[in-house]
Amino acid sequence: MKRTRLTREQSKDQTRQRLLDAAQAIFMKKGFTAASVEDITAAAGYTRGAFYSNFRSKPELFLELLRRDHDLMQTELEDIFAGDNTREEMETRVLRYYSRLPLDQKCFLLWAEAKLLAARDARFRVRFNAFMYEKREQLAAYIREFSVQTGIPLPLPEEQLALGLMALCDGVQSMVTTDPKNVSDDMIQSVLGEFFGRVVFGRGAG
């Protein structure tokens, strides 16, 4: 079978995605600081020239990796709001999503390292914080939409709830990553499911 020739744009996108995939694997294994551009290009099968044709720097690529992971999470959240769902269905889908998040989040180490880098690198901090603010704003919008669709009043402004939810998820994910044997699925569901559901979404005990 004759291979379909990629357009220039398709080829560029393929190169970019391979560099991102290679960088993700290397960052997860070696860490951002220890990984070099040469490590990334060698794993992807490209040259330094290909890297700098797609990314101005390693930090820029790092942010792109985080955004790619964020976009995947956004797609899952959007699916929760797709179609006509009852209040009970919405609650079930939201709570299922958040109780599974610490187990399904494969890039948590990248996010943790990005926060450490932001604490140490002022230039990276500016761009990372702008991105994190965007994430909080998007999550706040989902919380507001959930309240509108279900008729559940919010106990706090959506911006505060978004910040609290992100911090809670980060904390649980950190414990799952460092001590998986002692943080069971049931414990995760209790913390991120029952606790969050009752406090934020007003679900009663049952």
N, C-alpha and C. Protein backbone atom coordinates (compact mmCIF):
# COMPACT_ATOMS: atom_id res chain seq x y z
N MET A 1 0.84 -1.20 0.00
CA MET A 1 0.00 0.00 0.00
C MET A 1 0.88 1.25 0.00
N LYS A 2 0.54 2.16 -0.86
CA LYS A 2 1.31 3.40 -0.96
C LYS A 2 1.05 4.28 0.27
N ARG A 3 2.14 4.75 0.88
CA ARG A 3 2.02 5.60 2.06
C ARG A 3 1.53 7.00 1.68
N THR A 4 0.63 7.51 2.48
CA THR A 4 0.13 8.86 2.24
C THR A 4 1.18 9.85 2.68
N ARG A 5 1.54 10.74 1.81
CA ARG A 5 2.55 11.74 2.12
C ARG A 5 1.94 12.84 2.98
N LEU A 6 2.63 13.13 4.08
CA LEU A 6 2.15 14.16 4.99
C LEU A 6 2.39 15.54 4.40
N THR A 7 1.45 16.44 4.69
CA THR A 7 1.66 17.83 4.31
C THR A 7 2.74 18.41 5.22
N ARG A 8 3.24 19.57 4.88
CA ARG A 8 4.27 20.21 5.70
C ARG A 8 3.76 20.48 7.11
N GLU A 9 2.51 20.90 7.19
CA GLU A 9 1.92 21.19 8.50
C GLU A 9 1.75 19.91 9.31
N GLN A 10 1.31 18.83 8.68
CA GLN A 10 1.14 17.56 9.35
C GLN A 10 2.48 17.02 9.84
N SER A 11 3.50 17.16 9.01
CA SER A 11 4.83 16.70 9.39
C SER A 11 5.37 17.47 10.58
N LYS A 12 5.13 18.77 10.58
CA LYS A 12 5.59 19.61 11.70
C LYS A 12 4.86 19.23 12.98
N ASP A 13 3.57 18.98 12.86
CA ASP A 13 2.79 18.60 14.04
C ASP A 13 3.25 17.24 14.57
N GLN A 14 3.55 16.32 13.66
CA GLN A 14 4.03 15.01 14.07
C GLN A 14 5.36 15.12 14.81
N THR A 15 6.26 15.95 14.28
CA THR A 15 7.55 16.17 14.94
C THR A 15 7.36 16.75 16.33
N ARG A 16 6.48 17.71 16.42
CA ARG A 16 6.21 18.37 17.71
C ARG A 16 5.66 17.36 18.73
N GLN A 17 4.72 16.54 18.30
CA GLN A 17 4.12 15.57 19.21
C GLN A 17 5.14 14.52 19.65
N ARG A 18 6.01 14.11 18.76
CA ARG A 18 7.04 13.13 19.13
C ARG A 18 8.03 13.73 20.12
N LEU A 19 8.37 14.97 19.94
CA LEU A 19 9.26 15.64 20.89
C LEU A 19 8.58 15.75 22.26
N LEU A 20 7.29 16.07 22.26
CA LEU A 20 6.55 16.16 23.52
C LEU A 20 6.47 14.80 24.20
N ASP A 21 6.19 13.76 23.43
CA ASP A 21 6.11 12.41 24.00
C ASP A 21 7.45 12.00 24.60
N ALA A 22 8.53 12.27 23.87
CA ALA A 22 9.86 11.92 24.36
C ALA A 22 10.19 12.70 25.62
N ALA A 23 9.88 13.98 25.61
CA ALA A 23 10.17 14.83 26.78
C ALA A 23 9.38 14.35 27.99
N GLN A 24 8.13 13.99 27.80
CA GLN A 24 7.32 13.53 28.93
C GLN A 24 7.93 12.29 29.56
N ALA A 25 8.34 11.33 28.74
CA ALA A 25 8.94 10.10 29.27
C ALA A 25 10.24 10.39 30.01
N ILE A 26 11.06 11.28 29.46
CA ILE A 26 12.35 11.59 30.08
C ILE A 26 12.18 12.41 31.35
N PHE A 27 11.28 13.39 31.32
CA PHE A 27 11.03 14.19 32.52
C PHE A 27 10.50 13.32 33.65
N MET A 28 9.63 12.37 33.31
CA MET A 28 9.09 11.49 34.34
C MET A 28 10.17 10.60 34.93
N LYS A 29 11.16 10.24 34.13
CA LYS A 29 12.22 9.35 34.60
C LYS A 29 13.37 10.08 35.26
N LYS A 30 13.85 11.16 34.64
CA LYS A 30 15.04 11.85 35.13
C LYS A 30 14.75 13.16 35.85
N GLY A 31 13.58 13.73 35.59
CA GLY A 31 13.28 15.04 36.12
C GLY A 31 13.61 16.12 35.10
N PHE A 32 12.96 17.27 35.22
CA PHE A 32 13.14 18.35 34.26
C PHE A 32 14.57 18.87 34.25
N THR A 33 15.13 19.12 35.42
CA THR A 33 16.46 19.73 35.51
C THR A 33 17.54 18.82 34.93
N ALA A 34 17.46 17.54 35.24
CA ALA A 34 18.50 16.61 34.79
C ALA A 34 18.40 16.29 33.30
N ALA A 35 17.23 16.41 32.73
CA ALA A 35 17.04 16.10 31.31
C ALA A 35 17.59 17.22 30.44
N SER A 36 18.22 16.84 29.35
CA SER A 36 18.79 17.82 28.42
C SER A 36 18.02 17.81 27.11
N VAL A 37 18.23 18.85 26.33
CA VAL A 37 17.62 18.90 25.00
C VAL A 37 18.11 17.73 24.16
N GLU A 38 19.38 17.39 24.34
CA GLU A 38 19.95 16.25 23.60
C GLU A 38 19.25 14.94 23.97
N ASP A 39 18.93 14.77 25.25
CA ASP A 39 18.20 13.57 25.68
C ASP A 39 16.86 13.48 24.95
N ILE A 40 16.18 14.60 24.87
CA ILE A 40 14.85 14.63 24.26
C ILE A 40 14.92 14.34 22.77
N THR A 41 15.83 15.03 22.08
CA THR A 41 15.91 14.85 20.63
C THR A 41 16.38 13.45 20.26
N ALA A 42 17.29 12.90 21.05
CA ALA A 42 17.78 11.54 20.77
C ALA A 42 16.64 10.53 20.93
N ALA A 43 15.84 10.69 21.99
CA ALA A 43 14.73 9.76 22.21
C ALA A 43 13.66 9.89 21.14
N ALA A 44 13.48 11.10 20.62
CA ALA A 44 12.47 11.32 19.59
C ALA A 44 12.98 11.01 18.19
N GLY A 45 14.31 10.91 18.05
CA GLY A 45 14.89 10.63 16.74
C GLY A 45 15.07 11.85 15.87
N TYR A 46 15.29 13.01 16.52
CA TYR A 46 15.47 14.26 15.78
C TYR A 46 16.76 14.96 16.21
N THR A 47 17.01 16.09 15.59
CA THR A 47 18.20 16.87 15.90
C THR A 47 17.83 18.06 16.80
N ARG A 48 18.86 18.75 17.33
CA ARG A 48 18.62 19.96 18.11
C ARG A 48 17.89 21.00 17.27
N GLY A 49 18.19 21.00 15.96
CA GLY A 49 17.53 21.96 15.07
C GLY A 49 16.03 21.74 15.04
N ALA A 50 15.60 20.47 15.05
CA ALA A 50 14.18 20.16 15.05
C ALA A 50 13.54 20.64 16.35
N PHE A 51 14.28 20.48 17.44
CA PHE A 51 13.75 20.94 18.73
C PHE A 51 13.50 22.44 18.70
N TYR A 52 14.51 23.20 18.30
CA TYR A 52 14.39 24.65 18.35
C TYR A 52 13.54 25.22 17.21
N SER A 53 13.17 24.38 16.27
CA SER A 53 12.19 24.80 15.27
C SER A 53 10.77 24.75 15.82
N ASN A 54 10.61 24.00 16.92
CA ASN A 54 9.30 23.83 17.53
C ASN A 54 9.15 24.50 18.89
N PHE A 55 10.24 24.61 19.61
CA PHE A 55 10.21 25.18 20.96
C PHE A 55 11.40 26.11 21.14
N ARG A 56 11.15 27.24 21.77
CA ARG A 56 12.24 28.19 22.00
C ARG A 56 13.16 27.73 23.12
N SER A 57 12.64 26.92 24.02
CA SER A 57 13.43 26.52 25.18
C SER A 57 12.82 25.28 25.81
N LYS A 58 13.58 24.67 26.72
CA LYS A 58 13.07 23.52 27.46
C LYS A 58 11.89 23.91 28.36
N PRO A 59 11.95 25.07 29.07
CA PRO A 59 10.78 25.47 29.86
C PRO A 59 9.51 25.66 29.02
N GLU A 60 9.67 26.18 27.79
CA GLU A 60 8.49 26.34 26.93
C GLU A 60 7.88 24.99 26.60
N LEU A 61 8.72 24.01 26.31
CA LEU A 61 8.23 22.66 26.04
C LEU A 61 7.55 22.10 27.28
N PHE A 62 8.12 22.36 28.45
CA PHE A 62 7.54 21.87 29.70
C PHE A 62 6.12 22.39 29.88
N LEU A 63 5.94 23.68 29.65
CA LEU A 63 4.61 24.27 29.77
C LEU A 63 3.65 23.68 28.76
N GLU A 64 4.15 23.40 27.57
CA GLU A 64 3.30 22.79 26.54
C GLU A 64 2.85 21.40 26.96
N LEU A 65 3.74 20.64 27.63
CA LEU A 65 3.38 19.32 28.14
C LEU A 65 2.26 19.44 29.17
N LEU A 66 2.39 20.40 30.07
CA LEU A 66 1.37 20.60 31.10
C LEU A 66 0.04 20.99 30.47
N ARG A 67 0.10 21.85 29.46
CA ARG A 67 -1.13 22.27 28.80
C ARG A 67 -1.78 21.09 28.07
N ARG A 68 -0.98 20.24 27.48
CA ARG A 68 -1.54 19.07 26.79
C ARG A 68 -2.27 18.17 27.78
N ASP A 69 -1.67 17.96 28.95
CA ASP A 69 -2.32 17.14 29.97
C ASP A 69 -3.58 17.83 30.49
N HIS A 70 -3.49 19.13 30.68
CA HIS A 70 -4.66 19.90 31.13
C HIS A 70 -5.81 19.79 30.14
N ASP A 71 -5.50 19.86 28.85
CA ASP A 71 -6.54 19.79 27.82
C ASP A 71 -7.26 18.44 27.86
N LEU A 72 -6.53 17.37 28.16
CA LEU A 72 -7.15 16.06 28.28
C LEU A 72 -8.14 16.04 29.45
N MET A 73 -7.74 16.64 30.57
CA MET A 73 -8.64 16.70 31.72
C MET A 73 -9.85 17.56 31.41
N GLN A 74 -9.64 18.65 30.67
CA GLN A 74 -10.76 19.51 30.31
C GLN A 74 -11.78 18.77 29.45
N THR A 75 -11.29 17.93 28.55
CA THR A 75 -12.19 17.15 27.70
C THR A 75 -13.07 16.23 28.54
N GLU A 76 -12.48 15.62 29.57
CA GLU A 76 -13.26 14.74 30.44
C GLU A 76 -14.30 15.53 31.23
N LEU A 77 -13.93 16.72 31.69
CA LEU A 77 -14.90 17.55 32.41
C LEU A 77 -16.02 18.00 31.49
N GLU A 78 -15.69 18.35 30.26
CA GLU A 78 -16.72 18.77 29.30
C GLU A 78 -17.72 17.65 29.04
N ASP A 79 -17.21 16.40 29.02
CA ASP A 79 -18.10 15.26 28.78
C ASP A 79 -19.14 15.12 29.89
N ILE A 80 -18.76 15.52 31.11
CA ILE A 80 -19.69 15.42 32.23
C ILE A 80 -20.91 16.30 31.99
N PHE A 81 -20.71 17.44 31.35
CA PHE A 81 -21.79 18.39 31.14
C PHE A 81 -22.51 18.19 29.80
N ALA A 82 -22.06 17.23 29.03
CA ALA A 82 -22.68 16.99 27.72
C ALA A 82 -24.03 16.30 27.90
N GLY A 83 -25.00 16.73 27.12
CA GLY A 83 -26.32 16.12 27.16
C GLY A 83 -27.16 16.60 28.32
N ASP A 84 -28.36 16.05 28.39
CA ASP A 84 -29.29 16.40 29.47
C ASP A 84 -29.16 15.37 30.58
N ASN A 85 -28.73 15.82 31.75
CA ASN A 85 -28.54 14.92 32.87
C ASN A 85 -29.33 15.44 34.07
N THR A 86 -29.84 14.51 34.85
CA THR A 86 -30.51 14.88 36.08
C THR A 86 -29.47 15.30 37.11
N ARG A 87 -29.95 15.91 38.21
CA ARG A 87 -29.05 16.30 39.29
C ARG A 87 -28.28 15.09 39.80
N GLU A 88 -28.98 13.97 40.00
CA GLU A 88 -28.33 12.76 40.52
C GLU A 88 -27.26 12.26 39.56
N GLU A 89 -27.56 12.29 38.27
CA GLU A 89 -26.59 11.83 37.27
C GLU A 89 -25.36 12.74 37.26
N MET A 90 -25.59 14.04 37.35
CA MET A 90 -24.48 14.99 37.36
C MET A 90 -23.60 14.77 38.58
N GLU A 91 -24.22 14.62 39.74
CA GLU A 91 -23.45 14.39 40.97
C GLU A 91 -22.62 13.12 40.84
N THR A 92 -23.24 12.05 40.36
CA THR A 92 -22.54 10.77 40.23
C THR A 92 -21.34 10.88 39.31
N ARG A 93 -21.52 11.57 38.19
CA ARG A 93 -20.43 11.68 37.21
C ARG A 93 -19.30 12.54 37.74
N VAL A 94 -19.65 13.63 38.42
CA VAL A 94 -18.61 14.51 38.97
C VAL A 94 -17.83 13.80 40.06
N LEU A 95 -18.53 13.15 40.97
CA LEU A 95 -17.87 12.48 42.08
C LEU A 95 -17.03 11.29 41.59
N ARG A 96 -17.52 10.59 40.57
CA ARG A 96 -16.74 9.49 40.00
C ARG A 96 -15.45 10.01 39.39
N TYR A 97 -15.57 11.14 38.70
CA TYR A 97 -14.39 11.73 38.06
C TYR A 97 -13.33 12.10 39.10
N TYR A 98 -13.74 12.80 40.15
CA TYR A 98 -12.76 13.27 41.13
C TYR A 98 -12.22 12.16 42.02
N SER A 99 -13.01 11.14 42.27
CA SER A 99 -12.50 10.05 43.10
C SER A 99 -11.51 9.18 42.33
N ARG A 100 -11.59 9.21 40.97
CA ARG A 100 -10.65 8.46 40.14
C ARG A 100 -9.44 9.27 39.72
N LEU A 101 -9.52 10.58 39.86
CA LEU A 101 -8.47 11.46 39.35
C LEU A 101 -7.08 11.12 39.89
N PRO A 102 -6.90 10.89 41.21
CA PRO A 102 -5.55 10.60 41.70
C PRO A 102 -4.97 9.30 41.13
N LEU A 103 -5.83 8.36 40.76
CA LEU A 103 -5.36 7.09 40.22
C LEU A 103 -5.13 7.16 38.72
N ASP A 104 -5.87 8.02 38.04
CA ASP A 104 -5.77 8.12 36.59
C ASP A 104 -4.78 9.17 36.12
N GLN A 105 -4.38 10.08 37.02
CA GLN A 105 -3.49 11.17 36.64
C GLN A 105 -2.06 10.64 36.51
N LYS A 106 -1.61 10.46 35.27
CA LYS A 106 -0.29 9.88 35.01
C LYS A 106 0.82 10.92 35.02
N CYS A 107 0.46 12.19 34.97
CA CYS A 107 1.48 13.24 34.85
C CYS A 107 1.63 14.04 36.13
N PHE A 108 1.23 13.47 37.26
CA PHE A 108 1.30 14.23 38.50
C PHE A 108 2.72 14.68 38.83
N LEU A 109 3.70 13.84 38.57
CA LEU A 109 5.09 14.21 38.85
C LEU A 109 5.51 15.43 38.05
N LEU A 110 5.00 15.56 36.84
CA LEU A 110 5.32 16.74 36.03
C LEU A 110 4.76 18.00 36.68
N TRP A 111 3.54 17.92 37.17
CA TRP A 111 2.93 19.08 37.83
C TRP A 111 3.67 19.44 39.12
N ALA A 112 4.05 18.40 39.87
CA ALA A 112 4.78 18.64 41.11
C ALA A 112 6.12 19.31 40.83
N GLU A 113 6.81 18.83 39.81
CA GLU A 113 8.11 19.42 39.49
C GLU A 113 7.95 20.84 38.94
N ALA A 114 6.89 21.07 38.20
CA ALA A 114 6.65 22.42 37.69
C ALA A 114 6.47 23.41 38.83
N LYS A 115 5.82 22.99 39.89
CA LYS A 115 5.62 23.87 41.04
C LYS A 115 6.95 24.15 41.75
N LEU A 116 7.79 23.14 41.85
CA LEU A 116 9.11 23.35 42.44
C LEU A 116 9.94 24.30 41.58
N LEU A 117 9.88 24.10 40.27
CA LEU A 117 10.62 24.97 39.36
C LEU A 117 10.11 26.41 39.46
N ALA A 118 8.80 26.58 39.57
CA ALA A 118 8.22 27.91 39.68
C ALA A 118 8.66 28.60 40.97
N ALA A 119 8.85 27.81 42.03
CA ALA A 119 9.28 28.39 43.30
C ALA A 119 10.73 28.87 43.23
N ARG A 120 11.52 28.29 42.32
CA ARG A 120 12.95 28.60 42.25
C ARG A 120 13.33 29.50 41.08
N ASP A 121 12.50 29.52 40.06
CA ASP A 121 12.81 30.25 38.83
C ASP A 121 11.76 31.33 38.61
N ALA A 122 12.14 32.58 38.80
CA ALA A 122 11.17 33.69 38.72
C ALA A 122 10.57 33.82 37.32
N ARG A 123 11.36 33.60 36.28
CA ARG A 123 10.85 33.73 34.91
C ARG A 123 9.82 32.65 34.62
N PHE A 124 10.13 31.42 35.01
CA PHE A 124 9.18 30.34 34.79
C PHE A 124 7.93 30.56 35.63
N ARG A 125 8.11 31.10 36.83
CA ARG A 125 6.99 31.31 37.75
C ARG A 125 5.92 32.20 37.12
N VAL A 126 6.33 33.23 36.42
CA VAL A 126 5.36 34.15 35.81
C VAL A 126 4.45 33.42 34.83
N ARG A 127 5.04 32.63 33.95
CA ARG A 127 4.24 31.93 32.94
C ARG A 127 3.44 30.79 33.56
N PHE A 128 4.04 30.09 34.52
CA PHE A 128 3.34 28.98 35.15
C PHE A 128 2.14 29.49 35.95
N ASN A 129 2.32 30.57 36.69
CA ASN A 129 1.22 31.12 37.48
C ASN A 129 0.08 31.62 36.60
N ALA A 130 0.43 32.19 35.45
CA ALA A 130 -0.61 32.63 34.52
C ALA A 130 -1.42 31.43 34.03
N PHE A 131 -0.74 30.33 33.77
CA PHE A 131 -1.41 29.11 33.33
C PHE A 131 -2.28 28.54 34.45
N MET A 132 -1.76 28.52 35.69
CA MET A 132 -2.52 27.99 36.81
C MET A 132 -3.75 28.86 37.09
N TYR A 133 -3.62 30.16 36.92
CA TYR A 133 -4.77 31.04 37.09
C TYR A 133 -5.85 30.72 36.05
N GLU A 134 -5.41 30.46 34.84
CA GLU A 134 -6.35 30.07 33.78
C GLU A 134 -7.06 28.78 34.14
N LYS A 135 -6.31 27.81 34.70
CA LYS A 135 -6.91 26.54 35.13
C LYS A 135 -7.97 26.77 36.20
N ARG A 136 -7.66 27.63 37.18
CA ARG A 136 -8.62 27.90 38.25
C ARG A 136 -9.88 28.58 37.71
N GLU A 137 -9.69 29.50 36.77
CA GLU A 137 -10.84 30.18 36.18
C GLU A 137 -11.73 29.20 35.43
N GLN A 138 -11.12 28.27 34.71
CA GLN A 138 -11.91 27.28 33.98
C GLN A 138 -12.66 26.36 34.94
N LEU A 139 -11.97 25.94 36.01
CA LEU A 139 -12.63 25.07 36.98
C LEU A 139 -13.76 25.82 37.69
N ALA A 140 -13.53 27.08 38.00
CA ALA A 140 -14.59 27.88 38.63
C ALA A 140 -15.81 27.96 37.72
N ALA A 141 -15.58 28.06 36.42
CA ALA A 141 -16.70 28.12 35.47
C ALA A 141 -17.48 26.80 35.47
N TYR A 142 -16.77 25.66 35.58
CA TYR A 142 -17.44 24.37 35.65
C TYR A 142 -18.26 24.25 36.94
N ILE A 143 -17.69 24.72 38.04
CA ILE A 143 -18.41 24.68 39.31
C ILE A 143 -19.68 25.53 39.23
N ARG A 144 -19.56 26.70 38.64
CA ARG A 144 -20.72 27.58 38.48
C ARG A 144 -21.77 26.92 37.59
N GLU A 145 -21.33 26.28 36.51
CA GLU A 145 -22.26 25.59 35.61
C GLU A 145 -22.94 24.43 36.31
N PHE A 146 -22.17 23.71 37.14
CA PHE A 146 -22.76 22.61 37.90
C PHE A 146 -23.86 23.12 38.81
N SER A 147 -23.61 24.24 39.49
CA SER A 147 -24.59 24.82 40.39
C SER A 147 -25.86 25.22 39.63
N VAL A 148 -25.68 25.79 38.46
CA VAL A 148 -26.82 26.24 37.65
C VAL A 148 -27.65 25.04 37.18
N GLN A 149 -26.96 24.00 36.68
CA GLN A 149 -27.67 22.85 36.13
C GLN A 149 -28.37 22.02 37.19
N THR A 150 -27.77 21.93 38.38
CA THR A 150 -28.34 21.08 39.43
C THR A 150 -29.23 21.84 40.40
N GLY A 151 -29.09 23.18 40.41
CA GLY A 151 -29.85 23.97 41.35
C GLY A 151 -29.28 23.95 42.76
N ILE A 152 -28.04 23.46 42.91
CA ILE A 152 -27.40 23.40 44.22
C ILE A 152 -26.70 24.73 44.49
N PRO A 153 -27.07 25.45 45.55
CA PRO A 153 -26.38 26.71 45.86
C PRO A 153 -24.95 26.45 46.33
N LEU A 154 -24.04 27.32 45.96
CA LEU A 154 -22.65 27.17 46.35
C LEU A 154 -22.41 27.74 47.75
N PRO A 155 -21.72 26.99 48.62
CA PRO A 155 -21.47 27.48 49.98
C PRO A 155 -20.41 28.57 50.03
N LEU A 156 -19.60 28.66 48.97
CA LEU A 156 -18.54 29.66 48.85
C LEU A 156 -18.49 30.14 47.41
N PRO A 157 -17.88 31.29 47.13
CA PRO A 157 -17.70 31.71 45.73
C PRO A 157 -16.96 30.64 44.94
N GLU A 158 -17.34 30.50 43.68
CA GLU A 158 -16.76 29.43 42.87
C GLU A 158 -15.25 29.52 42.76
N GLU A 159 -14.68 30.73 42.79
CA GLU A 159 -13.22 30.88 42.71
C GLU A 159 -12.55 30.25 43.92
N GLN A 160 -13.15 30.42 45.10
CA GLN A 160 -12.59 29.82 46.31
C GLN A 160 -12.74 28.31 46.31
N LEU A 161 -13.87 27.83 45.82
CA LEU A 161 -14.08 26.39 45.74
C LEU A 161 -13.10 25.75 44.76
N ALA A 162 -12.83 26.43 43.64
CA ALA A 162 -11.89 25.91 42.66
C ALA A 162 -10.49 25.79 43.27
N LEU A 163 -10.07 26.83 44.00
CA LEU A 163 -8.76 26.80 44.65
C LEU A 163 -8.69 25.67 45.67
N GLY A 164 -9.73 25.53 46.48
CA GLY A 164 -9.74 24.48 47.49
C GLY A 164 -9.74 23.09 46.88
N LEU A 165 -10.50 22.91 45.80
CA LEU A 165 -10.57 21.61 45.15
C LEU A 165 -9.23 21.23 44.54
N MET A 166 -8.58 22.18 43.89
CA MET A 166 -7.27 21.90 43.29
C MET A 166 -6.25 21.54 44.38
N ALA A 167 -6.28 22.25 45.50
CA ALA A 167 -5.35 21.97 46.58
C ALA A 167 -5.63 20.59 47.20
N LEU A 168 -6.92 20.26 47.37
CA LEU A 168 -7.29 18.97 47.93
C LEU A 168 -6.84 17.83 47.03
N CYS A 169 -7.09 17.97 45.73
CA CYS A 169 -6.69 16.93 44.78
C CYS A 169 -5.17 16.77 44.74
N ASP A 170 -4.44 17.88 44.77
CA ASP A 170 -2.98 17.82 44.77
C ASP A 170 -2.47 17.08 46.01
N GLY A 171 -3.07 17.37 47.16
CA GLY A 171 -2.64 16.72 48.39
C GLY A 171 -2.86 15.22 48.36
N VAL A 172 -4.04 14.81 47.91
CA VAL A 172 -4.34 13.38 47.84
C VAL A 172 -3.45 12.69 46.82
N GLN A 173 -3.25 13.34 45.67
CA GLN A 173 -2.39 12.74 44.65
C GLN A 173 -0.96 12.60 45.14
N SER A 174 -0.50 13.56 45.93
CA SER A 174 0.85 13.48 46.48
C SER A 174 0.99 12.25 47.37
N MET A 175 -0.02 11.99 48.19
CA MET A 175 0.03 10.84 49.09
C MET A 175 -0.07 9.53 48.32
N VAL A 176 -0.89 9.52 47.28
CA VAL A 176 -1.01 8.31 46.45
C VAL A 176 0.32 8.01 45.78
N THR A 177 1.01 9.06 45.32
CA THR A 177 2.27 8.88 44.61
C THR A 177 3.38 8.40 45.54
N THR A 178 3.44 8.95 46.74
CA THR A 178 4.55 8.62 47.65
C THR A 178 4.26 7.43 48.56
N ASP A 179 3.00 7.12 48.81
CA ASP A 179 2.66 6.03 49.73
C ASP A 179 1.45 5.26 49.23
N PRO A 180 1.55 4.67 48.03
CA PRO A 180 0.38 4.02 47.42
C PRO A 180 -0.15 2.82 48.21
N LYS A 181 0.72 2.13 48.97
CA LYS A 181 0.28 0.95 49.69
C LYS A 181 -0.68 1.29 50.84
N ASN A 182 -0.54 2.50 51.37
CA ASN A 182 -1.35 2.88 52.52
C ASN A 182 -2.45 3.89 52.20
N VAL A 183 -2.63 4.18 50.91
CA VAL A 183 -3.72 5.06 50.49
C VAL A 183 -4.59 4.25 49.52
N SER A 184 -5.62 3.65 50.05
CA SER A 184 -6.47 2.74 49.28
C SER A 184 -7.46 3.48 48.41
N ASP A 185 -8.05 2.75 47.47
CA ASP A 185 -9.09 3.33 46.63
C ASP A 185 -10.27 3.80 47.47
N ASP A 186 -10.62 3.01 48.48
CA ASP A 186 -11.74 3.39 49.34
C ASP A 186 -11.46 4.68 50.08
N MET A 187 -10.22 4.86 50.53
CA MET A 187 -9.86 6.07 51.24
C MET A 187 -9.95 7.29 50.31
N ILE A 188 -9.48 7.11 49.09
CA ILE A 188 -9.54 8.20 48.11
C ILE A 188 -10.99 8.59 47.83
N GLN A 189 -11.83 7.58 47.63
CA GLN A 189 -13.24 7.85 47.35
C GLN A 189 -13.92 8.53 48.52
N SER A 190 -13.50 8.18 49.74
CA SER A 190 -14.08 8.81 50.92
C SER A 190 -13.72 10.28 51.00
N VAL A 191 -12.44 10.58 50.75
CA VAL A 191 -11.97 11.96 50.86
C VAL A 191 -12.48 12.82 49.71
N LEU A 192 -12.22 12.37 48.48
CA LEU A 192 -12.58 13.18 47.32
C LEU A 192 -14.01 12.97 46.86
N GLY A 193 -14.64 11.91 47.32
CA GLY A 193 -16.01 11.66 46.94
C GLY A 193 -16.99 12.15 47.98
N GLU A 194 -17.06 11.46 49.11
CA GLU A 194 -18.04 11.81 50.13
C GLU A 194 -17.78 13.19 50.74
N PHE A 195 -16.55 13.44 51.16
CA PHE A 195 -16.26 14.72 51.80
C PHE A 195 -16.53 15.88 50.85
N PHE A 196 -15.93 15.81 49.66
CA PHE A 196 -16.12 16.91 48.72
C PHE A 196 -17.57 17.04 48.30
N GLY A 197 -18.22 15.89 48.08
CA GLY A 197 -19.60 15.93 47.65
C GLY A 197 -20.51 16.57 48.68
N ARG A 198 -20.32 16.25 49.95
CA ARG A 198 -21.19 16.81 50.98
C ARG A 198 -20.90 18.28 51.24
N VAL A 199 -19.62 18.61 51.34
CA VAL A 199 -19.25 19.97 51.71
C VAL A 199 -19.51 20.95 50.56
N VAL A 200 -19.09 20.59 49.36
CA VAL A 200 -19.17 21.52 48.24
C VAL A 200 -20.52 21.43 47.51
N PHE A 201 -20.98 20.21 47.24
CA PHE A 201 -22.19 20.06 46.45
C PHE A 201 -23.43 19.77 47.28
N GLY A 202 -23.29 19.79 48.59
CA GLY A 202 -24.46 19.69 49.46
C GLY A 202 -25.12 18.34 49.49
N ARG A 203 -24.39 17.26 49.21
CA ARG A 203 -24.98 15.93 49.32
C ARG A 203 -25.11 15.55 50.78
N GLY A 204 -26.22 14.98 51.15
CA GLY A 204 -26.42 14.57 52.53
C GLY A 204 -25.76 13.23 52.80
N ALA A 205 -25.61 12.90 54.06
CA ALA A 205 -25.05 11.59 54.42
C ALA A 205 -26.02 10.50 54.03
N GLY A 206 -25.46 9.38 53.65
CA GLY A 206 -26.34 8.30 53.23
C GLY A 206 -25.58 7.09 52.82
